[in-house]
PDB file of N, CA and C in Angstrom:
ATOM      1  N   MET A   1     -33.658 -42.924  68.112  1.00  0.00           N
ATOM      2  CA  MET A   1     -34.754 -42.735  68.973  1.00  0.00           C
ATOM      3  C   MET A   1     -35.900 -43.561  68.468  1.00  0.00           C
ATOM      4  N   ASN A   2     -36.496 -44.287  69.358  1.00  0.00           N
ATOM      5  CA  ASN A   2     -37.672 -45.136  68.944  1.00  0.00           C
ATOM      6  C   ASN A   2     -38.993 -44.293  69.052  1.00  0.00           C
ATOM      7  N   SER A   3     -40.066 -44.868  68.518  1.00  0.00           N
ATOM      8  CA  SER A   3     -41.303 -44.115  68.481  1.00  0.00           C
ATOM      9  C   SER A   3     -41.949 -43.921  69.828  1.00  0.00           C
ATOM     10  N   TRP A   4     -41.708 -44.826  70.797  1.00  0.00           N
ATOM     11  CA  TRP A   4     -42.232 -44.662  72.144  1.00  0.00           C
ATOM     12  C   TRP A   4     -41.608 -43.464  72.831  1.00  0.00           C
ATOM     13  N   SER A   5     -40.341 -43.345  72.613  1.00  0.00           N
ATOM     14  CA  SER A   5     -39.578 -42.222  73.178  1.00  0.00           C
ATOM     15  C   SER A   5     -40.091 -40.887  72.597  1.00  0.00           C
ATOM     16  N   PHE A   6     -40.327 -40.856  71.333  1.00  0.00           N
ATOM     17  CA  PHE A   6     -40.828 -39.659  70.638  1.00  0.00           C
ATOM     18  C   PHE A   6     -42.198 -39.304  71.136  1.00  0.00           C
ATOM     19  N   LEU A   7     -43.123 -40.281  71.261  1.00  0.00           N
ATOM     20  CA  LEU A   7     -44.474 -40.033  71.779  1.00  0.00           C
ATOM     21  C   LEU A   7     -44.447 -39.579  73.241  1.00  0.00           C
ATOM     22  N   PHE A   8     -43.549 -40.155  74.019  1.00  0.00           N
ATOM     23  CA  PHE A   8     -43.427 -39.719  75.432  1.00  0.00           C
ATOM     24  C   PHE A   8     -42.996 -38.269  75.513  1.00  0.00           C
ATOM     25  N   ASP A   9     -42.039 -37.882  74.690  1.00  0.00           N
ATOM     26  CA  ASP A   9     -41.559 -36.536  74.643  1.00  0.00           C
ATOM     27  C   ASP A   9     -42.654 -35.558  74.205  1.00  0.00           C
ATOM     28  N   LEU A  10     -43.445 -35.948  73.279  1.00  0.00           N
ATOM     29  CA  LEU A  10     -44.500 -35.147  72.744  1.00  0.00           C
ATOM     30  C   LEU A  10     -45.548 -34.906  73.825  1.00  0.00           C
ATOM     31  N   GLY A  11     -45.931 -36.002  74.485  1.00  0.00           N
ATOM     32  CA  GLY A  11     -46.866 -35.922  75.639  1.00  0.00           C
ATOM     33  C   GLY A  11     -46.354 -35.053  76.754  1.00  0.00           C
ATOM     34  N   TRP A  12     -45.049 -35.165  77.043  1.00  0.00           N
ATOM     35  CA  TRP A  12     -44.438 -34.418  78.126  1.00  0.00           C
ATOM     36  C   TRP A  12     -44.441 -32.916  77.800  1.00  0.00           C
ATOM     37  N   ILE A  13     -44.075 -32.582  76.629  1.00  0.00           N
ATOM     38  CA  ILE A  13     -43.922 -31.193  76.289  1.00  0.00           C
ATOM     39  C   ILE A  13     -45.256 -30.431  76.243  1.00  0.00           C
ATOM     40  N   LEU A  14     -46.339 -31.118  76.060  1.00  0.00           N
ATOM     41  CA  LEU A  14     -47.668 -30.474  76.031  1.00  0.00           C
ATOM     42  C   LEU A  14     -48.044 -29.947  77.452  1.00  0.00           C
ATOM     43  N   ASP A  15     -47.596 -30.524  78.523  1.00  0.00           N
ATOM     44  CA  ASP A  15     -47.871 -30.101  79.814  1.00  0.00           C
ATOM     45  C   ASP A  15     -46.745 -29.384  80.528  1.00  0.00           C
ATOM     46  N   GLU A  16     -45.687 -29.120  79.796  1.00  0.00           N
ATOM     47  CA  GLU A  16     -44.461 -28.489  80.392  1.00  0.00           C
ATOM     48  C   GLU A  16     -44.480 -26.985  80.149  1.00  0.00           C
ATOM     49  N   PRO A  17     -44.508 -26.171  81.203  1.00  0.00           N
ATOM     50  CA  PRO A  17     -44.529 -24.712  80.993  1.00  0.00           C
ATOM     51  C   PRO A  17     -43.315 -24.160  80.286  1.00  0.00           C
ATOM     52  N   GLU A  18     -42.123 -24.775  80.479  1.00  0.00           N
ATOM     53  CA  GLU A  18     -40.899 -24.301  79.840  1.00  0.00           C
ATOM     54  C   GLU A  18     -40.734 -24.929  78.430  1.00  0.00           C
ATOM     55  N   LYS A  19     -41.553 -25.811  78.040  1.00  0.00           N
ATOM     56  CA  LYS A  19     -41.503 -26.499  76.736  1.00  0.00           C
ATOM     57  C   LYS A  19     -40.146 -27.215  76.592  1.00  0.00           C
ATOM     58  N   GLN A  20     -39.728 -27.871  77.629  1.00  0.00           N
ATOM     59  CA  GLN A  20     -38.514 -28.703  77.631  1.00  0.00           C
ATOM     60  C   GLN A  20     -38.942 -30.194  77.621  1.00  0.00           C
ATOM     61  N   THR A  21     -38.215 -30.934  76.903  1.00  0.00           N
ATOM     62  CA  THR A  21     -38.467 -32.430  76.941  1.00  0.00           C
ATOM     63  C   THR A  21     -37.748 -32.933  78.202  1.00  0.00           C
ATOM     64  N   LEU A  22     -38.021 -34.139  78.515  1.00  0.00           N
ATOM     65  CA  LEU A  22     -37.411 -34.719  79.691  1.00  0.00           C
ATOM     66  C   LEU A  22     -35.903 -34.839  79.526  1.00  0.00           C
ATOM     67  N   ARG A  23     -35.434 -35.089  78.282  1.00  0.00           N
ATOM     68  CA  ARG A  23     -34.016 -35.105  77.999  1.00  0.00           C
ATOM     69  C   ARG A  23     -33.340 -33.736  78.192  1.00  0.00           C
ATOM     70  N   ASP A  24     -34.089 -32.682  77.772  1.00  0.00           N
ATOM     71  CA  ASP A  24     -33.618 -31.311  78.018  1.00  0.00           C
ATOM     72  C   ASP A  24     -33.439 -31.038  79.485  1.00  0.00           C
ATOM     73  N   LYS A  25     -34.437 -31.433  80.270  1.00  0.00           N
ATOM     74  CA  LYS A  25     -34.347 -31.230  81.713  1.00  0.00           C
ATOM     75  C   LYS A  25     -33.153 -31.981  82.320  1.00  0.00           C
ATOM     76  N   TRP A  26     -32.974 -33.204  81.886  1.00  0.00           N
ATOM     77  CA  TRP A  26     -31.917 -34.082  82.385  1.00  0.00           C
ATOM     78  C   TRP A  26     -30.536 -33.436  82.067  1.00  0.00           C
ATOM     79  N   ALA A  27     -30.413 -32.870  80.864  1.00  0.00           N
ATOM     80  CA  ALA A  27     -29.114 -32.294  80.444  1.00  0.00           C
ATOM     81  C   ALA A  27     -29.014 -30.812  80.816  1.00  0.00           C
ATOM     82  N   SER A  28     -30.061 -30.240  81.389  1.00  0.00           N
ATOM     83  CA  SER A  28     -30.082 -28.804  81.791  1.00  0.00           C
ATOM     84  C   SER A  28     -29.885 -27.896  80.580  1.00  0.00           C
ATOM     85  N   THR A  29     -30.599 -28.248  79.512  1.00  0.00           N
ATOM     86  CA  THR A  29     -30.454 -27.425  78.300  1.00  0.00           C
ATOM     87  C   THR A  29     -31.769 -26.685  77.972  1.00  0.00           C
ATOM     88  N   PHE A  30     -31.631 -25.554  77.307  1.00  0.00           N
ATOM     89  CA  PHE A  30     -32.837 -24.753  76.847  1.00  0.00           C
ATOM     90  C   PHE A  30     -32.627 -24.428  75.400  1.00  0.00           C
ATOM     91  N   VAL A  31     -33.727 -24.235  74.682  1.00  0.00           N
ATOM     92  CA  VAL A  31     -33.669 -23.715  73.332  1.00  0.00           C
ATOM     93  C   VAL A  31     -33.752 -22.207  73.457  1.00  0.00           C
ATOM     94  N   VAL A  32     -32.771 -21.483  72.946  1.00  0.00           N
ATOM     95  CA  VAL A  32     -32.764 -20.020  72.994  1.00  0.00           C
ATOM     96  C   VAL A  32     -32.813 -19.451  71.587  1.00  0.00           C
ATOM     97  N   ARG A  33     -33.741 -18.487  71.419  1.00  0.00           N
ATOM     98  CA  ARG A  33     -33.846 -17.908  70.065  1.00  0.00           C
ATOM     99  C   ARG A  33     -32.602 -17.122  69.734  1.00  0.00           C
ATOM    100  N   ARG A  34     -32.312 -17.022  68.476  1.00  0.00           N
ATOM    101  CA  ARG A  34     -31.083 -16.398  67.960  1.00  0.00           C
ATOM    102  C   ARG A  34     -30.928 -14.980  68.496  1.00  0.00           C
ATOM    103  N   LYS A  35     -31.983 -14.172  68.463  1.00  0.00           N
ATOM    104  CA  LYS A  35     -31.888 -12.722  68.843  1.00  0.00           C
ATOM    105  C   LYS A  35     -32.383 -12.506  70.303  1.00  0.00           C
ATOM    106  N   ALA A  36     -32.381 -13.498  71.125  1.00  0.00           N
ATOM    107  CA  ALA A  36     -32.850 -13.338  72.496  1.00  0.00           C
ATOM    108  C   ALA A  36     -31.889 -12.485  73.279  1.00  0.00           C
ATOM    109  N   LYS A  37     -32.439 -11.668  74.184  1.00  0.00           N
ATOM    110  CA  LYS A  37     -31.628 -10.818  75.054  1.00  0.00           C
ATOM    111  C   LYS A  37     -31.963 -11.153  76.521  1.00  0.00           C
ATOM    112  N   PRO A  38     -30.976 -11.251  77.358  1.00  0.00           N
ATOM    113  CA  PRO A  38     -31.234 -11.532  78.762  1.00  0.00           C
ATOM    114  C   PRO A  38     -31.931 -10.425  79.442  1.00  0.00           C
ATOM    115  N   ILE A  39     -32.918 -10.721  80.330  1.00  0.00           N
ATOM    116  CA  ILE A  39     -33.627  -9.688  81.001  1.00  0.00           C
ATOM    117  C   ILE A  39     -33.448  -9.691  82.504  1.00  0.00           C
ATOM    118  N   GLY A  40     -32.713 -10.686  83.038  1.00  0.00           N
ATOM    119  CA  GLY A  40     -32.508 -10.755  84.447  1.00  0.00           C
ATOM    120  C   GLY A  40     -31.928 -12.097  84.881  1.00  0.00           C
ATOM    121  N   THR A  41     -32.055 -12.373  86.145  1.00  0.00           N
ATOM    122  CA  THR A  41     -31.535 -13.570  86.714  1.00  0.00           C
ATOM    123  C   THR A  41     -32.584 -14.294  87.556  1.00  0.00           C
ATOM    124  N   ALA A  42     -32.405 -15.534  87.751  1.00  0.00           N
ATOM    125  CA  ALA A  42     -33.328 -16.324  88.552  1.00  0.00           C
ATOM    126  C   ALA A  42     -32.551 -17.482  89.163  1.00  0.00           C
ATOM    127  N   PRO A  43     -32.923 -17.893  90.360  1.00  0.00           N
ATOM    128  CA  PRO A  43     -32.217 -19.021  90.998  1.00  0.00           C
ATOM    129  C   PRO A  43     -32.672 -20.335  90.332  1.00  0.00           C
ATOM    130  N   VAL A  44     -31.835 -21.352  90.479  1.00  0.00           N
ATOM    131  CA  VAL A  44     -32.145 -22.701  89.969  1.00  0.00           C
ATOM    132  C   VAL A  44     -32.580 -23.503  91.208  1.00  0.00           C
ATOM    133  N   ARG A  45     -33.699 -24.184  91.027  1.00  0.00           N
ATOM    134  CA  ARG A  45     -34.142 -25.114  92.076  1.00  0.00           C
ATOM    135  C   ARG A  45     -34.238 -26.533  91.468  1.00  0.00           C
ATOM    136  N   TYR A  46     -34.228 -27.496  92.348  1.00  0.00           N
ATOM    137  CA  TYR A  46     -34.260 -28.903  91.876  1.00  0.00           C
ATOM    138  C   TYR A  46     -35.675 -29.437  92.078  1.00  0.00           C
ATOM    139  N   LYS A  47     -36.248 -30.010  91.037  1.00  0.00           N
ATOM    140  CA  LYS A  47     -37.525 -30.576  91.126  1.00  0.00           C
ATOM    141  C   LYS A  47     -37.551 -32.093  91.016  1.00  0.00           C
ATOM    142  N   ARG A  48     -38.327 -32.770  91.783  1.00  0.00           N
ATOM    143  CA  ARG A  48     -38.392 -34.221  91.774  1.00  0.00           C
ATOM    144  C   ARG A  48     -39.536 -34.649  90.831  1.00  0.00           C
ATOM    145  N   ILE A  49     -39.224 -35.431  89.896  1.00  0.00           N
ATOM    146  CA  ILE A  49     -40.187 -35.964  88.918  1.00  0.00           C
ATOM    147  C   ILE A  49     -40.310 -37.483  89.038  1.00  0.00           C
ATOM    148  N   GLY A  50     -41.513 -37.970  89.258  1.00  0.00           N
ATOM    149  CA  GLY A  50     -41.747 -39.384  89.437  1.00  0.00           C
ATOM    150  C   GLY A  50     -42.556 -39.956  88.278  1.00  0.00           C
ATOM    151  N   PHE A  51     -42.185 -41.112  87.807  1.00  0.00           N
ATOM    152  CA  PHE A  51     -42.886 -41.734  86.673  1.00  0.00           C
ATOM    153  C   PHE A  51     -42.627 -43.245  86.741  1.00  0.00           C
ATOM    154  N   ALA A  52     -43.649 -44.027  86.808  1.00  0.00           N
ATOM    155  CA  ALA A  52     -43.551 -45.501  86.761  1.00  0.00           C
ATOM    156  C   ALA A  52     -42.649 -46.050  87.868  1.00  0.00           C
ATOM    157  N   GLY A  53     -42.659 -45.404  89.012  1.00  0.00           N
ATOM    158  CA  GLY A  53     -41.821 -45.932  90.149  1.00  0.00           C
ATOM    159  C   GLY A  53     -40.426 -45.427  90.118  1.00  0.00           C
ATOM    160  N   LEU A  54     -40.079 -44.629  89.116  1.00  0.00           N
ATOM    161  CA  LEU A  54     -38.707 -44.042  89.006  1.00  0.00           C
ATOM    162  C   LEU A  54     -38.795 -42.557  89.390  1.00  0.00           C
ATOM    163  N   PHE A  55     -37.777 -42.045  90.031  1.00  0.00           N
ATOM    164  CA  PHE A  55     -37.763 -40.612  90.376  1.00  0.00           C
ATOM    165  C   PHE A  55     -36.463 -39.992  89.841  1.00  0.00           C
ATOM    166  N   LEU A  56     -36.648 -38.847  89.228  1.00  0.00           N
ATOM    167  CA  LEU A  56     -35.504 -38.061  88.771  1.00  0.00           C
ATOM    168  C   LEU A  56     -35.469 -36.734  89.480  1.00  0.00           C
ATOM    169  N   ILE A  57     -34.293 -36.211  89.715  1.00  0.00           N
ATOM    170  CA  ILE A  57     -34.205 -34.841  90.285  1.00  0.00           C
ATOM    171  C   ILE A  57     -33.574 -34.032  89.182  1.00  0.00           C
ATOM    172  N   VAL A  58     -34.286 -33.021  88.691  1.00  0.00           N
ATOM    173  CA  VAL A  58     -33.831 -32.195  87.554  1.00  0.00           C
ATOM    174  C   VAL A  58     -33.857 -30.715  87.955  1.00  0.00           C
ATOM    175  N   PRO A  59     -32.857 -29.961  87.434  1.00  0.00           N
ATOM    176  CA  PRO A  59     -32.778 -28.502  87.764  1.00  0.00           C
ATOM    177  C   PRO A  59     -33.817 -27.743  86.965  1.00  0.00           C
ATOM    178  N   GLU A  60     -34.399 -26.722  87.501  1.00  0.00           N
ATOM    179  CA  GLU A  60     -35.373 -25.851  86.833  1.00  0.00           C
ATOM    180  C   GLU A  60     -35.088 -24.396  87.251  1.00  0.00           C
ATOM    181  N   VAL A  61     -35.362 -23.481  86.378  1.00  0.00           N
ATOM    182  CA  VAL A  61     -35.286 -22.070  86.694  1.00  0.00           C
ATOM    183  C   VAL A  61     -36.548 -21.656  87.485  1.00  0.00           C
ATOM    184  N   ASP A  62     -36.362 -21.057  88.638  1.00  0.00           N
ATOM    185  CA  ASP A  62     -37.496 -20.608  89.425  1.00  0.00           C
ATOM    186  C   ASP A  62     -37.920 -19.218  89.031  1.00  0.00           C
ATOM    187  N   ARG A  63     -38.815 -19.136  88.088  1.00  0.00           N
ATOM    188  CA  ARG A  63     -39.287 -17.914  87.514  1.00  0.00           C
ATOM    189  C   ARG A  63     -40.023 -17.024  88.518  1.00  0.00           C
ATOM    190  N   ALA A  64     -40.620 -17.622  89.552  1.00  0.00           N
ATOM    191  CA  ALA A  64     -41.346 -16.869  90.568  1.00  0.00           C
ATOM    192  C   ALA A  64     -40.385 -16.006  91.330  1.00  0.00           C
ATOM    193  N   LYS A  65     -39.109 -16.356  91.431  1.00  0.00           N
ATOM    194  CA  LYS A  65     -38.130 -15.582  92.186  1.00  0.00           C
ATOM    195  C   LYS A  65     -37.189 -14.834  91.266  1.00  0.00           C
ATOM    196  N   ALA A  66     -37.536 -14.619  90.008  1.00  0.00           N
ATOM    197  CA  ALA A  66     -36.672 -13.969  89.031  1.00  0.00           C
ATOM    198  C   ALA A  66     -36.603 -12.472  89.300  1.00  0.00           C
ATOM    199  N   THR A  67     -35.455 -11.884  89.102  1.00  0.00           N
ATOM    200  CA  THR A  67     -35.254 -10.450  89.220  1.00  0.00           C
ATOM    201  C   THR A  67     -34.920  -9.882  87.859  1.00  0.00           C
ATOM    202  N   VAL A  68     -35.643  -8.834  87.483  1.00  0.00           N
ATOM    203  CA  VAL A  68     -35.424  -8.164  86.215  1.00  0.00           C
ATOM    204  C   VAL A  68     -34.402  -7.042  86.415  1.00  0.00           C
ATOM    205  N   GLU A  69     -33.365  -7.064  85.672  1.00  0.00           N
ATOM    206  CA  GLU A  69     -32.346  -6.026  85.793  1.00  0.00           C
ATOM    207  C   GLU A  69     -32.619  -4.907  84.783  1.00  0.00           C
ATOM    208  N   SER A  70     -32.762  -3.694  85.289  1.00  0.00           N
ATOM    209  CA  SER A  70     -33.081  -2.552  84.376  1.00  0.00           C
ATOM    210  C   SER A  70     -31.994  -2.241  83.418  1.00  0.00           C
ATOM    211  N   SER A  71     -30.742  -2.544  83.718  1.00  0.00           N
ATOM    212  CA  SER A  71     -29.654  -2.256  82.795  1.00  0.00           C
ATOM    213  C   SER A  71     -29.644  -3.175  81.595  1.00  0.00           C
ATOM    214  N   LEU A  72     -30.338  -4.331  81.672  1.00  0.00           N
ATOM    215  CA  LEU A  72     -30.379  -5.242  80.575  1.00  0.00           C
ATOM    216  C   LEU A  72     -31.527  -5.023  79.617  1.00  0.00           C
ATOM    217  N   GLN A  73     -32.507  -4.195  79.991  1.00  0.00           N
ATOM    218  CA  GLN A  73     -33.694  -3.977  79.190  1.00  0.00           C
ATOM    219  C   GLN A  73     -33.409  -3.069  78.006  1.00  0.00           C
TER     220      GLN A  73
END
């Protein structure tokens, strides 16, 4: 990984509510804490991201439409 890529990821993550880098979004990966417990479900929506004339469509969890399941708490 070169330094420009690292700096781009750092800048990206500062403004990202899910704290995912662009590579994480592209690969649909999340960092999950070791003792994390699921609290519900949420639909996945596709977001269009544009940068320097390029556009990517990446999946995101739609937290606004999340449902908390009482049996999981």
